[in-house]
């Protein structure tokens, strides 16, 4: 398990879903909630019912682009599109774990 963020890429692998069982289970059984939660976490706000009602897999693509911009991870439009089409749940988990790690590291640094 990675303890510090990778400065040039996502810290956790795309298939590292099981590294955080709670994120994995929520994503598997209620992906719309995790998509909404990821968006809210990237925006530094609480997740609302409106987020959950508007959550769709294409929102996760834009959330992923925000993650890349916020944490200076190089853009990979084609790879992100393919990953979301092939294994949406894996991308949702990876994004959630990345946001969680980087936000906790940023909080410790303050």
PDB file of N, CA and C in Angstrom:
ATOM      1  N   UNK A   1       0.840  -1.176   0.000  1.00  0.00           N
ATOM      2  CA  UNK A   1       0.000   0.000   0.000  1.00  0.00           C
ATOM      3  C   UNK A   1       0.887   1.242   0.000  1.00  0.00           C
ATOM      4  N   UNK A   2       0.546   2.210  -0.817  1.00  0.00           N
ATOM      5  CA  UNK A   2       1.332   3.425  -0.923  1.00  0.00           C
ATOM      6  C   UNK A   2       0.945   4.403   0.187  1.00  0.00           C
ATOM      7  N   UNK A   3       1.946   4.995   0.819  1.00  0.00           N
ATOM      8  CA  UNK A   3       1.697   5.951   1.895  1.00  0.00           C
ATOM      9  C   UNK A   3       1.853   7.391   1.439  1.00  0.00           C
ATOM     10  N   UNK A   4       2.624   7.610   0.397  1.00  0.00           N
ATOM     11  CA  UNK A   4       2.839   8.962  -0.105  1.00  0.00           C
ATOM     12  C   UNK A   4       2.424   9.025  -1.569  1.00  0.00           C
ATOM     13  N   UNK A   5       1.863  10.158  -1.963  1.00  0.00           N
ATOM     14  CA  UNK A   5       1.413  10.280  -3.349  1.00  0.00           C
ATOM     15  C   UNK A   5       2.561  10.232  -4.345  1.00  0.00           C
ATOM     16  N   UNK A   6       2.304   9.620  -5.465  1.00  0.00           N
ATOM     17  CA  UNK A   6       3.244   9.603  -6.577  1.00  0.00           C
ATOM     18  C   UNK A   6       3.133  10.963  -7.261  1.00  0.00           C
ATOM     19  N   UNK A   7       4.206  11.719  -7.376  1.00  0.00           N
ATOM     20  CA  UNK A   7       4.103  13.070  -7.933  1.00  0.00           C
ATOM     21  C   UNK A   7       3.829  13.124  -9.430  1.00  0.00           C
ATOM     22  N   UNK A   8       4.016  12.028 -10.155  1.00  0.00           N
ATOM     23  CA  UNK A   8       3.879  12.082 -11.608  1.00  0.00           C
ATOM     24  C   UNK A   8       2.752  11.226 -12.173  1.00  0.00           C
ATOM     25  N   UNK A   9       2.055  10.489 -11.350  1.00  0.00           N
ATOM     26  CA  UNK A   9       0.982   9.623 -11.847  1.00  0.00           C
ATOM     27  C   UNK A   9       0.067   9.277 -10.681  1.00  0.00           C
ATOM     28  N   UNK A  10      -0.967   8.501 -10.974  1.00  0.00           N
ATOM     29  CA  UNK A  10      -1.833   8.032  -9.905  1.00  0.00           C
ATOM     30  C   UNK A  10      -1.029   7.117  -8.989  1.00  0.00           C
ATOM     31  N   UNK A  11      -1.229   7.254  -7.707  1.00  0.00           N
ATOM     32  CA  UNK A  11      -0.470   6.499  -6.724  1.00  0.00           C
ATOM     33  C   UNK A  11      -0.858   5.033  -6.731  1.00  0.00           C
ATOM     34  N   UNK A  12      -2.140   4.776  -6.866  1.00  0.00           N
ATOM     35  CA  UNK A  12      -2.654   3.410  -6.841  1.00  0.00           C
ATOM     36  C   UNK A  12      -2.944   2.945  -8.264  1.00  0.00           C
ATOM     37  N   UNK A  13      -2.704   1.686  -8.520  1.00  0.00           N
ATOM     38  CA  UNK A  13      -2.966   1.124  -9.840  1.00  0.00           C
ATOM     39  C   UNK A  13      -4.450   1.015 -10.121  1.00  0.00           C
ATOM     40  N   UNK A  14      -4.775   0.901 -11.380  1.00  0.00           N
ATOM     41  CA  UNK A  14      -6.166   0.797 -11.799  1.00  0.00           C
ATOM     42  C   UNK A  14      -6.841  -0.443 -11.217  1.00  0.00           C
ATOM     43  N   UNK A  15      -6.076  -1.499 -11.039  1.00  0.00           N
ATOM     44  CA  UNK A  15      -6.640  -2.738 -10.490  1.00  0.00           C
ATOM     45  C   UNK A  15      -6.394  -2.869  -8.987  1.00  0.00           C
ATOM     46  N   UNK A  16      -6.094  -1.773  -8.326  1.00  0.00           N
ATOM     47  CA  UNK A  16      -5.844  -1.806  -6.887  1.00  0.00           C
ATOM     48  C   UNK A  16      -7.096  -1.548  -6.067  1.00  0.00           C
ATOM     49  N   UNK A  17      -8.237  -1.884  -6.613  1.00  0.00           N
ATOM     50  CA  UNK A  17      -9.518  -1.603  -5.959  1.00  0.00           C
ATOM     51  C   UNK A  17      -9.618  -2.188  -4.563  1.00  0.00           C
ATOM     52  N   UNK A  18      -9.125  -3.385  -4.383  1.00  0.00           N
ATOM     53  CA  UNK A  18      -9.298  -4.080  -3.115  1.00  0.00           C
ATOM     54  C   UNK A  18      -8.390  -3.544  -2.009  1.00  0.00           C
ATOM     55  N   UNK A  19      -7.543  -2.588  -2.320  1.00  0.00           N
ATOM     56  CA  UNK A  19      -6.681  -1.989  -1.309  1.00  0.00           C
ATOM     57  C   UNK A  19      -7.463  -1.205  -0.260  1.00  0.00           C
ATOM     58  N   UNK A  20      -8.667  -0.787  -0.602  1.00  0.00           N
ATOM     59  CA  UNK A  20      -9.560  -0.099   0.328  1.00  0.00           C
ATOM     60  C   UNK A  20     -10.933  -0.738   0.168  1.00  0.00           C
ATOM     61  N   UNK A  21     -11.227  -1.690   1.044  1.00  0.00           N
ATOM     62  CA  UNK A  21     -12.452  -2.492   0.907  1.00  0.00           C
ATOM     63  C   UNK A  21     -13.729  -1.667   0.998  1.00  0.00           C
ATOM     64  N   UNK A  22     -13.736  -0.615   1.825  1.00  0.00           N
ATOM     65  CA  UNK A  22     -14.958   0.188   1.941  1.00  0.00           C
ATOM     66  C   UNK A  22     -15.252   0.922   0.628  1.00  0.00           C
ATOM     67  N   UNK A  23     -14.235   1.492   0.025  1.00  0.00           N
ATOM     68  CA  UNK A  23     -14.420   2.169  -1.266  1.00  0.00           C
ATOM     69  C   UNK A  23     -14.850   1.162  -2.325  1.00  0.00           C
ATOM     70  N   UNK A  24     -14.232  -0.003  -2.323  1.00  0.00           N
ATOM     71  CA  UNK A  24     -14.554  -1.047  -3.295  1.00  0.00           C
ATOM     72  C   UNK A  24     -16.018  -1.480  -3.167  1.00  0.00           C
ATOM     73  N   UNK A  25     -16.463  -1.731  -1.956  1.00  0.00           N
ATOM     74  CA  UNK A  25     -17.841  -2.187  -1.740  1.00  0.00           C
ATOM     75  C   UNK A  25     -18.865  -1.118  -2.123  1.00  0.00           C
ATOM     76  N   UNK A  26     -18.602   0.123  -1.708  1.00  0.00           N
ATOM     77  CA  UNK A  26     -19.531   1.200  -2.057  1.00  0.00           C
ATOM     78  C   UNK A  26     -19.597   1.368  -3.570  1.00  0.00           C
ATOM     79  N   UNK A  27     -18.451   1.309  -4.223  1.00  0.00           N
ATOM     80  CA  UNK A  27     -18.423   1.462  -5.679  1.00  0.00           C
ATOM     81  C   UNK A  27     -19.155   0.315  -6.364  1.00  0.00           C
ATOM     82  N   UNK A  28     -18.981  -0.878  -5.877  1.00  0.00           N
ATOM     83  CA  UNK A  28     -19.610  -2.038  -6.495  1.00  0.00           C
ATOM     84  C   UNK A  28     -21.127  -2.021  -6.340  1.00  0.00           C
ATOM     85  N   UNK A  29     -21.602  -1.680  -5.133  1.00  0.00           N
ATOM     86  CA  UNK A  29     -23.034  -1.753  -4.868  1.00  0.00           C
ATOM     87  C   UNK A  29     -23.786  -0.446  -5.140  1.00  0.00           C
ATOM     88  N   UNK A  30     -23.084   0.665  -5.137  1.00  0.00           N
ATOM     89  CA  UNK A  30     -23.740   1.958  -5.356  1.00  0.00           C
ATOM     90  C   UNK A  30     -22.782   2.921  -6.069  1.00  0.00           C
ATOM     91  N   UNK A  31     -22.455   2.623  -7.326  1.00  0.00           N
ATOM     92  CA  UNK A  31     -21.463   3.436  -8.039  1.00  0.00           C
ATOM     93  C   UNK A  31     -21.871   4.903  -8.176  1.00  0.00           C
ATOM     94  N   UNK A  32     -23.172   5.183  -8.288  1.00  0.00           N
ATOM     95  CA  UNK A  32     -23.615   6.568  -8.459  1.00  0.00           C
ATOM     96  C   UNK A  32     -23.219   7.415  -7.257  1.00  0.00           C
ATOM     97  N   UNK A  33     -23.328   6.824  -6.061  1.00  0.00           N
ATOM     98  CA  UNK A  33     -22.940   7.557  -4.861  1.00  0.00           C
ATOM     99  C   UNK A  33     -21.438   7.874  -4.879  1.00  0.00           C
ATOM    100  N   UNK A  34     -20.615   6.895  -5.248  1.00  0.00           N
ATOM    101  CA  UNK A  34     -19.170   7.123  -5.238  1.00  0.00           C
ATOM    102  C   UNK A  34     -18.763   8.122  -6.322  1.00  0.00           C
ATOM    103  N   UNK A  35     -19.427   8.110  -7.464  1.00  0.00           N
ATOM    104  CA  UNK A  35     -19.165   9.113  -8.506  1.00  0.00           C
ATOM    105  C   UNK A  35     -19.471  10.505  -7.947  1.00  0.00           C
ATOM    106  N   UNK A  36     -20.617  10.629  -7.279  1.00  0.00           N
ATOM    107  CA  UNK A  36     -21.007  11.916  -6.693  1.00  0.00           C
ATOM    108  C   UNK A  36     -20.045  12.334  -5.586  1.00  0.00           C
ATOM    109  N   UNK A  37     -19.637  11.377  -4.765  1.00  0.00           N
ATOM    110  CA  UNK A  37     -18.721  11.676  -3.666  1.00  0.00           C
ATOM    111  C   UNK A  37     -17.351  12.115  -4.197  1.00  0.00           C
ATOM    112  N   UNK A  38     -16.861  11.430  -5.240  1.00  0.00           N
ATOM    113  CA  UNK A  38     -15.585  11.825  -5.848  1.00  0.00           C
ATOM    114  C   UNK A  38     -15.642  13.268  -6.334  1.00  0.00           C
ATOM    115  N   UNK A  39     -16.725  13.615  -7.016  1.00  0.00           N
ATOM    116  CA  UNK A  39     -16.874  14.979  -7.539  1.00  0.00           C
ATOM    117  C   UNK A  39     -16.877  15.982  -6.398  1.00  0.00           C
ATOM    118  N   UNK A  40     -17.622  15.684  -5.339  1.00  0.00           N
ATOM    119  CA  UNK A  40     -17.689  16.588  -4.193  1.00  0.00           C
ATOM    120  C   UNK A  40     -16.325  16.713  -3.510  1.00  0.00           C
ATOM    121  N   UNK A  41     -15.597  15.597  -3.367  1.00  0.00           N
ATOM    122  CA  UNK A  41     -14.280  15.645  -2.725  1.00  0.00           C
ATOM    123  C   UNK A  41     -13.295  16.486  -3.536  1.00  0.00           C
ATOM    124  N   UNK A  42     -13.341  16.370  -4.857  1.00  0.00           N
ATOM    125  CA  UNK A  42     -12.453  17.169  -5.709  1.00  0.00           C
ATOM    126  C   UNK A  42     -12.800  18.650  -5.589  1.00  0.00           C
ATOM    127  N   UNK A  43     -14.085  18.941  -5.418  1.00  0.00           N
ATOM    128  CA  UNK A  43     -14.532  20.329  -5.286  1.00  0.00           C
ATOM    129  C   UNK A  43     -14.412  20.852  -3.850  1.00  0.00           C
ATOM    130  N   UNK A  44     -13.909  20.015  -2.926  1.00  0.00           N
ATOM    131  CA  UNK A  44     -13.762  20.378  -1.505  1.00  0.00           C
ATOM    132  C   UNK A  44     -15.081  20.812  -0.875  1.00  0.00           C
ATOM    133  N   UNK A  45     -16.093  19.975  -1.036  1.00  0.00           N
ATOM    134  CA  UNK A  45     -17.404  20.256  -0.451  1.00  0.00           C
ATOM    135  C   UNK A  45     -18.077  18.950  -0.069  1.00  0.00           C
ATOM    136  N   UNK A  46     -19.214  19.050   0.590  1.00  0.00           N
ATOM    137  CA  UNK A  46     -19.964  17.858   0.968  1.00  0.00           C
ATOM    138  C   UNK A  46     -20.761  17.339  -0.219  1.00  0.00           C
ATOM    139  N   UNK A  47     -20.985  16.045  -0.228  1.00  0.00           N
ATOM    140  CA  UNK A  47     -21.802  15.404  -1.256  1.00  0.00           C
ATOM    141  C   UNK A  47     -23.280  15.617  -0.910  1.00  0.00           C
ATOM    142  N   UNK A  48     -24.055  16.050  -1.884  1.00  0.00           N
ATOM    143  CA  UNK A  48     -25.482  16.303  -1.655  1.00  0.00           C
ATOM    144  C   UNK A  48     -26.330  15.338  -2.468  1.00  0.00           C
ATOM    145  N   UNK A  49     -27.618  15.345  -2.199  1.00  0.00           N
ATOM    146  CA  UNK A  49     -28.548  14.493  -2.938  1.00  0.00           C
ATOM    147  C   UNK A  49     -28.564  14.886  -4.420  1.00  0.00           C
ATOM    148  N   UNK A  50     -28.376  16.158  -4.713  1.00  0.00           N
ATOM    149  CA  UNK A  50     -28.320  16.607  -6.114  1.00  0.00           C
ATOM    150  C   UNK A  50     -27.140  15.971  -6.844  1.00  0.00           C
ATOM    151  N   UNK A  51     -26.002  15.846  -6.140  1.00  0.00           N
ATOM    152  CA  UNK A  51     -24.845  15.186  -6.744  1.00  0.00           C
ATOM    153  C   UNK A  51     -25.190  13.760  -7.129  1.00  0.00           C
ATOM    154  N   UNK A  52     -25.875  13.067  -6.226  1.00  0.00           N
ATOM    155  CA  UNK A  52     -26.217  11.661  -6.473  1.00  0.00           C
ATOM    156  C   UNK A  52     -27.205  11.524  -7.619  1.00  0.00           C
ATOM    157  N   UNK A  53     -28.131  12.466  -7.727  1.00  0.00           N
ATOM    158  CA  UNK A  53     -29.125  12.410  -8.804  1.00  0.00           C
ATOM    159  C   UNK A  53     -28.512  12.703 -10.171  1.00  0.00           C
ATOM    160  N   UNK A  54     -27.444  13.480 -10.186  1.00  0.00           N
ATOM    161  CA  UNK A  54     -26.819  13.878 -11.449  1.00  0.00           C
ATOM    162  C   UNK A  54     -25.615  13.019 -11.827  1.00  0.00           C
ATOM    163  N   UNK A  55     -25.261  12.075 -10.975  1.00  0.00           N
ATOM    164  CA  UNK A  55     -24.059  11.271 -11.217  1.00  0.00           C
ATOM    165  C   UNK A  55     -24.273  10.290 -12.367  1.00  0.00           C
ATOM    166  N   UNK A  56     -23.356  10.336 -13.322  1.00  0.00           N
ATOM    167  CA  UNK A  56     -23.333   9.401 -14.441  1.00  0.00           C
ATOM    168  C   UNK A  56     -21.872   9.094 -14.722  1.00  0.00           C
ATOM    169  N   UNK A  57     -21.604   7.969 -15.371  1.00  0.00           N
ATOM    170  CA  UNK A  57     -20.194   7.627 -15.644  1.00  0.00           C
ATOM    171  C   UNK A  57     -19.414   8.720 -16.371  1.00  0.00           C
ATOM    172  N   UNK A  58     -20.069   9.478 -17.245  1.00  0.00           N
ATOM    173  CA  UNK A  58     -19.319  10.528 -17.941  1.00  0.00           C
ATOM    174  C   UNK A  58     -18.891  11.636 -16.979  1.00  0.00           C
ATOM    175  N   UNK A  59     -19.593  11.820 -15.859  1.00  0.00           N
ATOM    176  CA  UNK A  59     -19.166  12.794 -14.851  1.00  0.00           C
ATOM    177  C   UNK A  59     -17.827  12.375 -14.253  1.00  0.00           C
ATOM    178  N   UNK A  60     -17.617  11.072 -14.105  1.00  0.00           N
ATOM    179  CA  UNK A  60     -16.349  10.594 -13.546  1.00  0.00           C
ATOM    180  C   UNK A  60     -15.185  10.948 -14.462  1.00  0.00           C
ATOM    181  N   UNK A  61     -15.414  10.980 -15.763  1.00  0.00           N
ATOM    182  CA  UNK A  61     -14.351  11.394 -16.687  1.00  0.00           C
ATOM    183  C   UNK A  61     -13.904  12.821 -16.362  1.00  0.00           C
ATOM    184  N   UNK A  62     -14.867  13.724 -16.193  1.00  0.00           N
ATOM    185  CA  UNK A  62     -14.533  15.118 -15.909  1.00  0.00           C
ATOM    186  C   UNK A  62     -13.934  15.266 -14.511  1.00  0.00           C
ATOM    187  N   UNK A  63     -14.400  14.465 -13.575  1.00  0.00           N
ATOM    188  CA  UNK A  63     -13.818  14.462 -12.237  1.00  0.00           C
ATOM    189  C   UNK A  63     -12.361  14.024 -12.314  1.00  0.00           C
ATOM    190  N   UNK A  64     -12.106  13.016 -13.130  1.00  0.00           N
ATOM    191  CA  UNK A  64     -10.731  12.515 -13.295  1.00  0.00           C
ATOM    192  C   UNK A  64      -9.824  13.592 -13.883  1.00  0.00           C
ATOM    193  N   UNK A  65     -10.353  14.360 -14.821  1.00  0.00           N
ATOM    194  CA  UNK A  65      -9.570  15.449 -15.400  1.00  0.00           C
ATOM    195  C   UNK A  65      -9.281  16.525 -14.351  1.00  0.00           C
ATOM    196  N   UNK A  66     -10.246  16.771 -13.464  1.00  0.00           N
ATOM    197  CA  UNK A  66     -10.020  17.711 -12.363  1.00  0.00           C
ATOM    198  C   UNK A  66      -8.942  17.190 -11.418  1.00  0.00           C
ATOM    199  N   UNK A  67      -8.960  15.892 -11.141  1.00  0.00           N
ATOM    200  CA  UNK A  67      -7.939  15.281 -10.281  1.00  0.00           C
ATOM    201  C   UNK A  67      -6.566  15.491 -10.900  1.00  0.00           C
ATOM    202  N   UNK A  68      -6.476  15.225 -12.199  1.00  0.00           N
ATOM    203  CA  UNK A  68      -5.190  15.399 -12.894  1.00  0.00           C
ATOM    204  C   UNK A  68      -4.713  16.852 -12.810  1.00  0.00           C
ATOM    205  N   UNK A  69      -5.619  17.790 -13.002  1.00  0.00           N
ATOM    206  CA  UNK A  69      -5.242  19.207 -12.959  1.00  0.00           C
ATOM    207  C   UNK A  69      -4.858  19.631 -11.543  1.00  0.00           C
ATOM    208  N   UNK A  70      -5.639  19.242 -10.576  1.00  0.00           N
ATOM    209  CA  UNK A  70      -5.404  19.671  -9.192  1.00  0.00           C
ATOM    210  C   UNK A  70      -4.105  19.124  -8.615  1.00  0.00           C
ATOM    211  N   UNK A  71      -3.783  17.873  -8.963  1.00  0.00           N
ATOM    212  CA  UNK A  71      -2.612  17.227  -8.380  1.00  0.00           C
ATOM    213  C   UNK A  71      -1.444  17.129  -9.354  1.00  0.00           C
ATOM    214  N   UNK A  72      -1.521  17.866 -10.462  1.00  0.00           N
ATOM    215  CA  UNK A  72      -0.442  17.917 -11.466  1.00  0.00           C
ATOM    216  C   UNK A  72      -0.069  16.543 -12.007  1.00  0.00           C
ATOM    217  N   UNK A  73      -1.073  15.735 -12.283  1.00  0.00           N
ATOM    218  CA  UNK A  73      -0.859  14.433 -12.914  1.00  0.00           C
ATOM    219  C   UNK A  73      -1.030  14.650 -14.417  1.00  0.00           C
ATOM    220  N   UNK A  74      -0.079  14.221 -15.232  1.00  0.00           N
ATOM    221  CA  UNK A  74      -0.189  14.459 -16.679  1.00  0.00           C
ATOM    222  C   UNK A  74      -1.505  13.931 -17.264  1.00  0.00           C
ATOM    223  N   UNK A  75      -2.044  14.690 -18.204  1.00  0.00           N
ATOM    224  CA  UNK A  75      -3.309  14.327 -18.851  1.00  0.00           C
ATOM    225  C   UNK A  75      -3.123  13.142 -19.784  1.00  0.00           C
ATOM    226  N   UNK A  76      -4.151  12.327 -19.843  1.00  0.00           N
ATOM    227  CA  UNK A  76      -4.164  11.189 -20.743  1.00  0.00           C
ATOM    228  C   UNK A  76      -5.610  10.940 -21.165  1.00  0.00           C
ATOM    229  N   UNK A  77      -6.093  11.768 -22.066  1.00  0.00           N
ATOM    230  CA  UNK A  77      -7.496  11.747 -22.478  1.00  0.00           C
ATOM    231  C   UNK A  77      -7.912  10.384 -23.006  1.00  0.00           C
ATOM    232  N   UNK A  78      -7.131   9.826 -23.913  1.00  0.00           N
ATOM    233  CA  UNK A  78      -7.474   8.536 -24.518  1.00  0.00           C
ATOM    234  C   UNK A  78      -7.472   7.414 -23.479  1.00  0.00           C
ATOM    235  N   UNK A  79      -6.447   7.369 -22.649  1.00  0.00           N
ATOM    236  CA  UNK A  79      -6.364   6.320 -21.623  1.00  0.00           C
ATOM    237  C   UNK A  79      -7.512   6.438 -20.627  1.00  0.00           C
ATOM    238  N   UNK A  80      -7.886   7.658 -20.262  1.00  0.00           N
ATOM    239  CA  UNK A  80      -8.998   7.844 -19.332  1.00  0.00           C
ATOM    240  C   UNK A  80     -10.315   7.371 -19.950  1.00  0.00           C
ATOM    241  N   UNK A  81     -10.544   7.715 -21.200  1.00  0.00           N
ATOM    242  CA  UNK A  81     -11.774   7.274 -21.886  1.00  0.00           C
ATOM    243  C   UNK A  81     -11.842   5.754 -21.972  1.00  0.00           C
ATOM    244  N   UNK A  82     -10.740   5.148 -22.396  1.00  0.00           N
ATOM    245  CA  UNK A  82     -10.721   3.682 -22.512  1.00  0.00           C
ATOM    246  C   UNK A  82     -10.890   3.009 -21.165  1.00  0.00           C
ATOM    247  N   UNK A  83     -10.224   3.516 -20.144  1.00  0.00           N
ATOM    248  CA  UNK A  83     -10.342   2.930 -18.808  1.00  0.00           C
ATOM    249  C   UNK A  83     -11.775   2.997 -18.307  1.00  0.00           C
ATOM    250  N   UNK A  84     -12.424   4.131 -18.506  1.00  0.00           N
ATOM    251  CA  UNK A  84     -13.809   4.274 -18.064  1.00  0.00           C
ATOM    252  C   UNK A  84     -14.760   3.364 -18.839  1.00  0.00           C
ATOM    253  N   UNK A  85     -14.487   3.160 -20.115  1.00  0.00           N
ATOM    254  CA  UNK A  85     -15.340   2.272 -20.921  1.00  0.00           C
ATOM    255  C   UNK A  85     -15.140   0.807 -20.550  1.00  0.00           C
ATOM    256  N   UNK A  86     -13.905   0.435 -20.268  1.00  0.00           N
ATOM    257  CA  UNK A  86     -13.590  -0.970 -20.005  1.00  0.00           C
ATOM    258  C   UNK A  86     -13.873  -1.364 -18.559  1.00  0.00           C
ATOM    259  N   UNK A  87     -13.485  -0.525 -17.618  1.00  0.00           N
ATOM    260  CA  UNK A  87     -13.667  -0.875 -16.205  1.00  0.00           C
ATOM    261  C   UNK A  87     -14.008   0.365 -15.380  1.00  0.00           C
ATOM    262  N   UNK A  88     -15.242   0.790 -15.511  1.00  0.00           N
ATOM    263  CA  UNK A  88     -15.702   1.995 -14.833  1.00  0.00           C
ATOM    264  C   UNK A  88     -15.492   1.912 -13.324  1.00  0.00           C
ATOM    265  N   UNK A  89     -15.831   0.781 -12.739  1.00  0.00           N
ATOM    266  CA  UNK A  89     -15.709   0.622 -11.283  1.00  0.00           C
ATOM    267  C   UNK A  89     -14.256   0.784 -10.824  1.00  0.00           C
ATOM    268  N   UNK A  90     -13.320   0.280 -11.592  1.00  0.00           N
ATOM    269  CA  UNK A  90     -11.903   0.402 -11.228  1.00  0.00           C
ATOM    270  C   UNK A  90     -11.457   1.862 -11.233  1.00  0.00           C
ATOM    271  N   UNK A  91     -11.913   2.617 -12.218  1.00  0.00           N
ATOM    272  CA  UNK A  91     -11.556   4.037 -12.308  1.00  0.00           C
ATOM    273  C   UNK A  91     -12.172   4.807 -11.140  1.00  0.00           C
ATOM    274  N   UNK A  92     -13.419   4.514 -10.817  1.00  0.00           N
ATOM    275  CA  UNK A  92     -14.091   5.185  -9.702  1.00  0.00           C
ATOM    276  C   UNK A  92     -13.335   4.926  -8.403  1.00  0.00           C
ATOM    277  N   UNK A  93     -12.951   3.677  -8.172  1.00  0.00           N
ATOM    278  CA  UNK A  93     -12.186   3.324  -6.962  1.00  0.00           C
ATOM    279  C   UNK A  93     -10.827   4.014  -6.949  1.00  0.00           C
ATOM    280  N   UNK A  94     -10.130   3.979  -8.061  1.00  0.00           N
ATOM    281  CA  UNK A  94      -8.808   4.596  -8.138  1.00  0.00           C
ATOM    282  C   UNK A  94      -8.897   6.096  -7.842  1.00  0.00           C
ATOM    283  N   UNK A  95      -9.896   6.750  -8.413  1.00  0.00           N
ATOM    284  CA  UNK A  95     -10.063   8.180  -8.175  1.00  0.00           C
ATOM    285  C   UNK A  95     -10.368   8.461  -6.706  1.00  0.00           C
ATOM    286  N   UNK A  96     -11.255   7.686  -6.122  1.00  0.00           N
ATOM    287  CA  UNK A  96     -11.619   7.889  -4.719  1.00  0.00           C
ATOM    288  C   UNK A  96     -10.410   7.712  -3.803  1.00  0.00           C
ATOM    289  N   UNK A  97      -9.628   6.675  -4.040  1.00  0.00           N
ATOM    290  CA  UNK A  97      -8.446   6.419  -3.221  1.00  0.00           C
ATOM    291  C   UNK A  97      -7.407   7.528  -3.391  1.00  0.00           C
ATOM    292  N   UNK A  98      -7.238   7.997  -4.611  1.00  0.00           N
ATOM    293  CA  UNK A  98      -6.262   9.056  -4.886  1.00  0.00           C
ATOM    294  C   UNK A  98      -6.651  10.358  -4.179  1.00  0.00           C
ATOM    295  N   UNK A  99      -7.912  10.742  -4.292  1.00  0.00           N
ATOM    296  CA  UNK A  99      -8.380  11.967  -3.645  1.00  0.00           C
ATOM    297  C   UNK A  99      -8.212  11.852  -2.133  1.00  0.00           C
ATOM    298  N   UNK A 100      -8.609  10.707  -1.603  1.00  0.00           N
ATOM    299  CA  UNK A 100      -8.519  10.469  -0.158  1.00  0.00           C
ATOM    300  C   UNK A 100      -7.071  10.595   0.330  1.00  0.00           C
ATOM    301  N   UNK A 101      -6.141   9.962  -0.370  1.00  0.00           N
ATOM    302  CA  UNK A 101      -4.734  10.007   0.012  1.00  0.00           C
ATOM    303  C   UNK A 101      -4.179  11.422  -0.082  1.00  0.00           C
ATOM    304  N   UNK A 102      -4.377  12.051  -1.207  1.00  0.00           N
ATOM    305  CA  UNK A 102      -3.787  13.381  -1.421  1.00  0.00           C
ATOM    306  C   UNK A 102      -4.410  14.438  -0.508  1.00  0.00           C
ATOM    307  N   UNK A 103      -5.702  14.325  -0.222  1.00  0.00           N
ATOM    308  CA  UNK A 103      -6.316  15.268   0.714  1.00  0.00           C
ATOM    309  C   UNK A 103      -5.790  15.059   2.128  1.00  0.00           C
ATOM    310  N   UNK A 104      -5.561  13.807   2.512  1.00  0.00           N
ATOM    311  CA  UNK A 104      -5.043  13.544   3.865  1.00  0.00           C
ATOM    312  C   UNK A 104      -3.593  14.020   3.992  1.00  0.00           C
ATOM    313  N   UNK A 105      -2.796  13.859   2.951  1.00  0.00           N
ATOM    314  CA  UNK A 105      -1.413  14.336   2.972  1.00  0.00           C
ATOM    315  C   UNK A 105      -1.399  15.872   3.034  1.00  0.00           C
ATOM    316  N   UNK A 106      -2.284  16.502   2.278  1.00  0.00           N
ATOM    317  CA  UNK A 106      -2.350  17.971   2.286  1.00  0.00           C
ATOM    318  C   UNK A 106      -2.785  18.489   3.657  1.00  0.00           C
ATOM    319  N   UNK A 107      -3.695  17.773   4.316  1.00  0.00           N
ATOM    320  CA  UNK A 107      -4.158  18.172   5.644  1.00  0.00           C
ATOM    321  C   UNK A 107      -3.034  18.062   6.680  1.00  0.00           C
ATOM    322  N   UNK A 108      -2.202  17.028   6.556  1.00  0.00           N
ATOM    323  CA  UNK A 108      -1.085  16.838   7.485  1.00  0.00           C
ATOM    324  C   UNK A 108      -0.045  17.944   7.307  1.00  0.00           C
ATOM    325  N   UNK A 109       0.140  18.388   6.081  1.00  0.00           N
ATOM    326  CA  UNK A 109       1.150  19.419   5.786  1.00  0.00           C
ATOM    327  C   UNK A 109       0.755  20.798   6.300  1.00  0.00           C
ATOM    328  N   UNK A 110      -0.547  21.003   6.547  1.00  0.00           N
ATOM    329  CA  UNK A 110      -1.011  22.332   7.002  1.00  0.00           C
ATOM    330  C   UNK A 110      -0.632  22.593   8.399  1.00  0.00           C
TER     331      UNK A 110
END
